Structures are given as structure tokens and as C-alpha cells.
Amino acid sequence: MKQNSFDSKGMVITKPLQSLRLLLIMAIPLLVVGCSNNTGNKSPLLETPSTEVSENTVKSVLPMVEKPLYGIIPTILNFTAVDPTLFQELYDTGEMTVIDVRTPQEIAEGKIFEDALEIDFYNENFKDKISKLDRNKKYLIYCRSGNRSGKGLQIFDDLGFMEAYDLAGGKLAWDKSEMKQEAKTTKREILQDDQSPPRVINISAKMYEFSTHEIRVKQGEKVLLKIENLDTTHGIRIPKLNQNGNEELLLDTSQKGTFPFTCNNLCGVGHSDMKGQIIIE
């Protein structure tokens, strides 16, 4: 005759039920270990419902953070349109490369910044030319009304560039703004009126280097940079001085400081490697 087992309450437990109970007891430690290893993944049932935030609230919070990107300039969302005042302030940091995406005919009527690179948005190779730029640099883009530059900005984003902004309203908005009226001038006119012969500094340029990477001059000295382009038109661009030239350039030496210079024209894949600095003492 088979012996039945009894639980603590005196209930009869048959052999099959006893086996099932044993399996359940053995499974409990496995369940505990499995749960303890699942760190950071909370069960949806245990999560506290999140507070809904309106889209307008998000937009008002995201652009402002504790640390500004550019000194006193508030942090702004990347790949967005900025007004003329902020466009000028970003340019004044000396960290931005400006691109004018208008047609040659439009550019002939005048540019916002003379050192802006010229890449026509309507050119069939526009995207290919943009793709050859240094993706780790920062860019400002503008056109006539903001339409083409806005589309160009999207291309910069799609190609994985680090940072870029376009001018809201384009050059039309710029011309109507106070920035147009308050455009900064330098003492170049005074230097040009000086009838004494300038000190000539010769620089040769070829793919992808300048013959010199450092130029030292005195403040107020009249200096003429002469660029010899050995293979294609390179020229020289000095963003912080808002100066550029393809063959020669009367240097603005009115202020002391260190002023980086680069190639003035998009000359190929090594364009961004062409750089140096001018030190005005």
C-alpha cells in the first residue's frame, strides 16, 4: 500500500503534487536572480506616468542652457535659421565659415561678408561641392530670401556636418536690418590713402598648402600680401578681418592679435588643410 505524504496542515499530498511543489520551490531562486540582473529596465507597470509637456514649452526650454556656446551668445538649436543680429554675432566669433549660395549675377550686386565662399545652389554639383567641405567646421549660409539657404542647411544636416545656421530672410532681411547700417568698418581706408610704398610679402599657394604658415607684422604697418597661385586660383581669406583676395591684398593692420587665414576658394578635398596665421604685434 502506497504511503501518502502530509503537509504542515495535515492535508494529503499525492506523489505527483509533491513533485510539482518541489519544482516550484526550485524555480523561485531563478526568478529572483533574473529580476535582480535586470537593472535599469523597470517594468512598465511600475513606472510613474510622465508629465506631458507641450511643444511650445520644449521650444522655449531647449534653446537656453546654463553654458552658452559662444561667450555671451545664448545657446541655439543647431541647423536653424537665425536673425541678422545673431548671424553677425556668430560671424564675429571668428569660428564660422560663411557660404553665399546665390548665383554669380546676384553676388555681383554685393555680398554680406566679402570673405564668404561662393557655391551656387542652382549648380548641379552643389551637393558634391558641399560634401567636400570639412564636416568638423562651423558654417553660416545665406541666399537672397532664405529659401535656398534653408534647403542648403538641410543638406548640411543630411551629410553629417557638425554645425551650421542660415540667415532667416536672407540678404533681403539683412539689408533691411540695423546690421546693414551698423556694419563694422576698419582703418583700411586710412592705409589705402597712405602714399608710402607698402611692405610686400609674397606667398605662394598650391594644392594643398601655403609657402608660409605664419606672417608677423607691426600694428599700423602698411603691408601688401601678394599671392602666387601655382596650380589653380587659391587666394587668401582672413575671417576675423573680413578680408579676402585672390592675387593681392592690402592687409588691415589696425588691431593687434592673431588672425587665422585660409584658402579663399574651394580648391578640392584638401581645401581645409590650407591654413596659417597672421600675427599683428
Protein backbone atom coordinates (compact mmCIF):
# COMPACT_ATOMS: atom_id res chain seq x y z
CA MET A 1 0.00 0.00 0.00
CA LYS A 2 1.41 3.40 -1.04
CA GLN A 3 2.25 5.90 1.64
CA ASN A 4 0.76 9.39 1.26
CA SER A 5 2.63 12.47 2.43
CA PHE A 6 1.07 15.18 4.58
CA ASP A 7 1.71 18.91 4.52
CA SER A 8 2.05 21.13 7.61
CA LYS A 9 -1.73 21.45 7.84
CA GLY A 10 -2.33 17.73 7.64
CA MET A 11 -3.59 17.81 4.04
CA VAL A 12 -2.85 14.77 1.93
CA ILE A 13 -0.26 15.38 -0.83
CA THR A 14 -0.01 12.76 -3.55
CA LYS A 15 3.31 11.99 -5.19
CA PRO A 16 2.56 13.92 -8.44
CA LEU A 17 1.54 17.03 -6.48
CA GLN A 18 4.60 16.72 -4.28
CA SER A 19 6.82 16.66 -7.38
CA LEU A 20 5.11 19.76 -8.77
CA ARG A 21 5.56 21.59 -5.48
CA LEU A 22 9.26 20.71 -5.48
CA LEU A 23 9.71 22.10 -9.00
CA LEU A 24 8.05 25.38 -8.00
CA ILE A 25 10.29 25.72 -4.96
CA MET A 26 13.38 25.16 -7.14
CA ALA A 27 12.23 27.75 -9.70
CA ILE A 28 11.83 30.63 -7.19
CA PRO A 29 15.60 31.40 -6.86
CA LEU A 30 15.92 31.53 -10.67
CA LEU A 31 13.13 34.09 -10.88
CA VAL A 32 14.75 36.23 -8.17
CA VAL A 33 18.16 36.17 -9.93
CA GLY A 34 16.56 37.03 -13.25
CA CYS A 35 14.82 40.07 -11.79
CA SER A 36 17.91 41.30 -9.92
CA ASN A 37 20.01 41.22 -13.12
CA ASN A 38 17.52 43.38 -15.00
CA THR A 39 18.97 46.64 -13.65
CA GLY A 40 17.79 49.84 -15.24
CA ASN A 41 14.84 48.23 -17.01
CA LYS A 42 11.79 48.98 -14.99
CA SER A 43 8.53 47.23 -15.62
CA PRO A 44 6.06 49.47 -17.43
CA LEU A 45 3.60 48.73 -14.65
CA LEU A 46 5.97 50.20 -12.06
CA GLU A 47 6.85 53.39 -13.95
CA THR A 48 5.47 56.70 -12.80
CA PRO A 49 3.38 58.26 -15.56
CA SER A 50 5.35 61.07 -17.25
CA THR A 51 4.08 64.61 -17.21
CA GLU A 52 3.05 65.81 -20.66
CA VAL A 53 4.97 68.85 -21.97
CA SER A 54 3.61 70.97 -24.78
CA GLU A 55 5.66 71.54 -27.95
CA ASN A 56 5.85 75.27 -27.20
CA THR A 57 7.33 74.56 -23.77
CA VAL A 58 10.01 72.33 -25.31
CA LYS A 59 10.95 75.01 -27.83
CA SER A 60 11.24 77.64 -25.13
CA VAL A 61 13.45 75.45 -22.93
CA LEU A 62 15.79 73.76 -25.40
CA PRO A 63 17.49 76.84 -26.91
CA MET A 64 18.67 78.07 -23.49
CA VAL A 65 21.10 76.07 -21.35
CA GLU A 66 23.42 77.00 -18.50
CA LYS A 67 26.55 77.35 -20.62
CA PRO A 68 26.38 79.40 -23.85
CA LEU A 69 28.13 78.13 -26.97
CA TYR A 70 29.73 81.44 -27.87
CA GLY A 71 30.51 83.51 -24.81
CA ILE A 72 27.55 85.81 -24.20
CA ILE A 73 25.53 84.41 -27.10
CA PRO A 74 22.73 82.12 -25.80
CA THR A 75 22.95 78.54 -26.97
CA ILE A 76 20.81 77.99 -30.04
CA LEU A 77 19.42 74.91 -31.69
CA ASN A 78 21.72 73.52 -34.36
CA PHE A 79 20.71 73.67 -38.05
CA THR A 80 18.22 76.52 -37.59
CA ALA A 81 17.64 79.95 -39.13
CA VAL A 82 18.94 82.92 -37.14
CA ASP A 83 18.14 86.63 -37.39
CA PRO A 84 20.64 89.19 -38.78
CA THR A 85 21.86 90.25 -35.33
CA LEU A 86 22.75 86.70 -34.25
CA PHE A 87 24.13 85.97 -37.73
CA GLN A 88 26.58 88.85 -37.25
CA GLU A 89 27.45 87.78 -33.70
CA LEU A 90 28.20 84.23 -34.83
CA TYR A 91 30.38 85.58 -37.62
CA ASP A 92 32.26 87.80 -35.17
CA THR A 93 33.38 84.74 -33.19
CA GLY A 94 35.83 84.01 -35.99
CA GLU A 95 34.86 80.33 -35.86
CA MET A 96 32.38 80.33 -38.73
CA THR A 97 32.89 79.80 -42.46
CA VAL A 98 30.33 81.78 -44.47
CA ILE A 99 28.83 80.43 -47.68
CA ASP A 100 26.90 82.56 -50.17
CA VAL A 101 24.67 80.18 -52.17
CA ARG A 102 23.32 82.79 -54.59
CA THR A 103 24.00 82.95 -58.31
CA PRO A 104 27.06 84.81 -59.67
CA GLN A 105 24.72 87.51 -61.01
CA GLU A 106 23.24 88.07 -57.54
CA ILE A 107 26.64 88.06 -55.90
CA ALA A 108 27.82 90.74 -58.33
CA GLU A 109 25.30 93.08 -56.69
CA GLY A 110 27.11 92.77 -53.36
CA LYS A 111 27.83 90.30 -50.56
CA ILE A 112 27.14 90.43 -46.84
CA PHE A 113 30.68 89.34 -45.99
CA GLU A 114 33.40 89.69 -48.59
CA ASP A 115 35.18 86.57 -47.35
CA ALA A 116 32.15 84.31 -47.97
CA LEU A 117 32.73 81.23 -50.11
CA GLU A 118 30.60 81.22 -53.26
CA ILE A 119 28.75 77.97 -54.01
CA ASP A 120 25.74 78.42 -56.30
CA PHE A 121 22.74 76.44 -55.03
CA TYR A 122 21.45 76.05 -58.60
CA ASN A 123 24.70 74.46 -59.75
CA GLU A 124 24.15 70.76 -60.48
CA ASN A 125 27.26 69.93 -58.43
CA PHE A 126 26.11 71.91 -55.37
CA LYS A 127 25.73 68.90 -53.06
CA ASP A 128 29.00 67.41 -54.27
CA LYS A 129 30.84 70.68 -53.51
CA ILE A 130 29.30 70.85 -50.04
CA SER A 131 30.32 67.24 -49.35
CA LYS A 132 33.98 68.18 -49.92
CA LEU A 133 33.94 70.74 -47.09
CA ASP A 134 35.32 69.96 -43.65
CA ARG A 135 32.42 68.47 -41.65
CA ASN A 136 34.06 69.43 -38.34
CA LYS A 137 33.93 73.17 -39.05
CA LYS A 138 31.02 75.53 -38.41
CA TYR A 139 29.11 77.24 -41.20
CA LEU A 140 26.84 80.21 -41.86
CA ILE A 141 24.74 80.09 -45.04
CA TYR A 142 22.75 82.79 -46.76
CA CYS A 143 20.93 83.46 -50.02
CA ARG A 144 18.57 86.17 -51.29
CA SER A 145 15.44 85.40 -49.24
CA GLY A 146 16.28 82.37 -47.08
CA ASN A 147 14.64 79.75 -49.29
CA ARG A 148 17.75 78.27 -50.91
CA SER A 149 19.86 78.60 -47.78
CA GLY A 150 17.17 76.76 -45.80
CA LYS A 151 17.29 73.87 -48.28
CA GLY A 152 21.08 74.01 -48.23
CA LEU A 153 21.03 73.81 -44.44
CA GLN A 154 19.12 70.53 -44.67
CA ILE A 155 21.82 69.17 -46.97
CA PHE A 156 24.48 70.09 -44.39
CA ASP A 157 22.47 68.21 -41.77
CA ASP A 158 21.94 65.17 -44.01
CA LEU A 159 25.66 64.99 -44.80
CA GLY A 160 26.57 64.87 -41.12
CA PHE A 161 28.16 68.29 -40.62
CA MET A 162 28.83 69.34 -37.03
CA GLU A 163 27.18 72.76 -37.03
CA ALA A 164 25.51 75.16 -39.47
CA TYR A 165 22.98 78.02 -39.49
CA ASP A 166 21.25 80.00 -42.21
CA LEU A 167 20.15 83.63 -42.31
CA ALA A 168 16.39 83.97 -41.82
CA GLY A 169 15.00 86.09 -44.64
CA GLY A 170 18.32 86.06 -46.47
CA LYS A 171 20.12 89.14 -47.74
CA LEU A 172 16.79 90.92 -48.16
CA ALA A 173 16.28 90.76 -44.40
CA TRP A 174 19.90 91.73 -43.80
CA ASP A 175 19.61 94.84 -45.97
CA LYS A 176 16.56 95.98 -44.01
CA SER A 177 18.15 95.31 -40.63
CA GLU A 178 20.23 97.57 -38.41
CA MET A 179 23.21 95.32 -39.05
CA LYS A 180 23.41 96.67 -42.60
CA GLN A 181 23.55 100.22 -41.28
CA GLU A 182 25.95 99.41 -38.47
CA ALA A 183 28.33 97.26 -40.50
CA LYS A 184 31.75 97.35 -38.92
CA THR A 185 34.45 99.31 -40.77
CA THR A 186 38.17 99.19 -40.30
CA LYS A 187 41.07 101.55 -40.88
CA ARG A 188 41.88 100.08 -44.27
CA GLU A 189 40.81 103.32 -45.92
CA ILE A 190 43.46 105.20 -43.94
CA LEU A 191 46.10 102.71 -45.05
CA GLN A 192 44.98 102.99 -48.67
CA ASP A 193 45.28 106.80 -48.51
CA ASP A 194 48.88 106.45 -47.32
CA GLN A 195 51.05 107.18 -50.35
CA SER A 196 54.15 105.46 -48.96
CA PRO A 197 55.05 102.12 -50.59
CA PRO A 198 53.84 99.08 -48.64
CA ARG A 199 55.94 96.23 -47.38
CA VAL A 200 55.30 93.39 -49.81
CA ILE A 201 55.02 89.84 -48.51
CA ASN A 202 54.97 87.14 -51.20
CA ILE A 203 53.04 83.94 -50.59
CA SER A 204 52.81 81.02 -53.00
CA ALA A 205 49.82 78.67 -52.88
CA LYS A 206 49.34 75.20 -54.32
CA MET A 207 47.25 72.13 -53.55
CA TYR A 208 47.10 71.96 -50.57
CA GLU A 209 49.48 74.32 -48.79
CA PHE A 210 50.81 77.84 -48.50
CA SER A 211 54.53 78.54 -48.71
CA THR A 212 54.35 80.09 -45.23
CA HIS A 213 52.13 79.32 -42.27
CA GLU A 214 52.93 82.37 -40.14
CA ILE A 215 53.21 86.06 -41.04
CA ARG A 216 54.31 88.68 -38.49
CA VAL A 217 53.72 92.41 -38.99
CA LYS A 218 53.55 95.54 -36.85
CA GLN A 219 50.31 97.28 -35.91
CA GLY A 220 49.67 100.16 -38.32
CA GLU A 221 52.27 98.89 -40.79
CA LYS A 222 51.30 99.12 -44.45
CA VAL A 223 51.52 95.56 -45.78
CA LEU A 224 50.59 94.16 -49.17
CA LEU A 225 50.15 90.40 -49.46
CA LYS A 226 50.90 89.04 -52.93
CA ILE A 227 49.60 85.53 -53.62
CA GLU A 228 51.15 83.44 -56.38
CA ASN A 229 48.70 80.68 -57.35
CA LEU A 230 50.82 77.82 -58.68
CA ASP A 231 48.14 75.41 -59.95
CA THR A 232 44.67 76.93 -59.54
CA THR A 233 43.17 80.06 -58.00
CA HIS A 234 43.56 79.77 -54.23
CA GLY A 235 43.83 83.30 -52.87
CA ILE A 236 43.73 84.08 -49.16
CA ARG A 237 40.87 84.64 -46.71
CA ILE A 238 41.13 86.22 -43.24
CA PRO A 239 37.74 85.78 -41.50
CA LYS A 240 38.41 87.84 -38.37
CA LEU A 241 39.46 90.83 -40.50
CA ASN A 242 36.67 90.27 -43.05
CA GLN A 243 39.29 90.36 -45.82
CA ASN A 244 39.98 88.21 -48.83
CA GLY A 245 41.80 88.38 -52.15
CA ASN A 246 42.89 86.06 -54.94
CA GLU A 247 46.13 87.70 -56.09
CA GLU A 248 46.92 90.55 -53.71
CA LEU A 249 45.50 92.04 -50.54
CA LEU A 250 46.26 95.22 -48.62
CA LEU A 251 46.30 93.90 -45.07
CA ASP A 252 44.30 95.62 -42.33
CA THR A 253 46.85 96.03 -39.54
CA SER A 254 44.79 98.39 -37.39
CA GLN A 255 44.42 95.97 -34.48
CA LYS A 256 46.76 93.66 -32.63
CA GLY A 257 46.08 89.95 -32.43
CA THR A 258 46.39 86.60 -34.13
CA PHE A 259 44.30 86.17 -37.27
CA PRO A 260 43.97 82.75 -38.95
CA PHE A 261 43.96 82.67 -42.75
CA THR A 262 42.76 80.01 -45.19
CA CYS A 263 42.41 79.39 -48.91
CA ASN A 264 39.81 81.75 -50.40
CA ASN A 265 38.38 79.33 -52.96
CA LEU A 266 37.13 75.76 -52.74
CA CYS A 267 40.04 74.03 -54.47
CA GLY A 268 39.50 70.34 -53.69
CA VAL A 269 39.42 67.73 -50.96
CA GLY A 270 42.42 69.22 -49.17
CA HIS A 271 41.00 72.75 -49.13
CA SER A 272 40.60 72.78 -45.34
CA ASP A 273 44.29 71.91 -44.88
CA MET A 274 45.38 75.22 -46.40
CA LYS A 275 45.74 77.48 -43.38
CA GLY A 276 48.09 79.70 -41.44
CA GLN A 277 48.06 82.74 -39.17
CA ILE A 278 48.90 86.43 -39.29
CA ILE A 279 50.27 87.92 -36.06
CA ILE A 280 49.91 91.68 -35.72
CA GLU A 281 52.17 92.95 -32.92
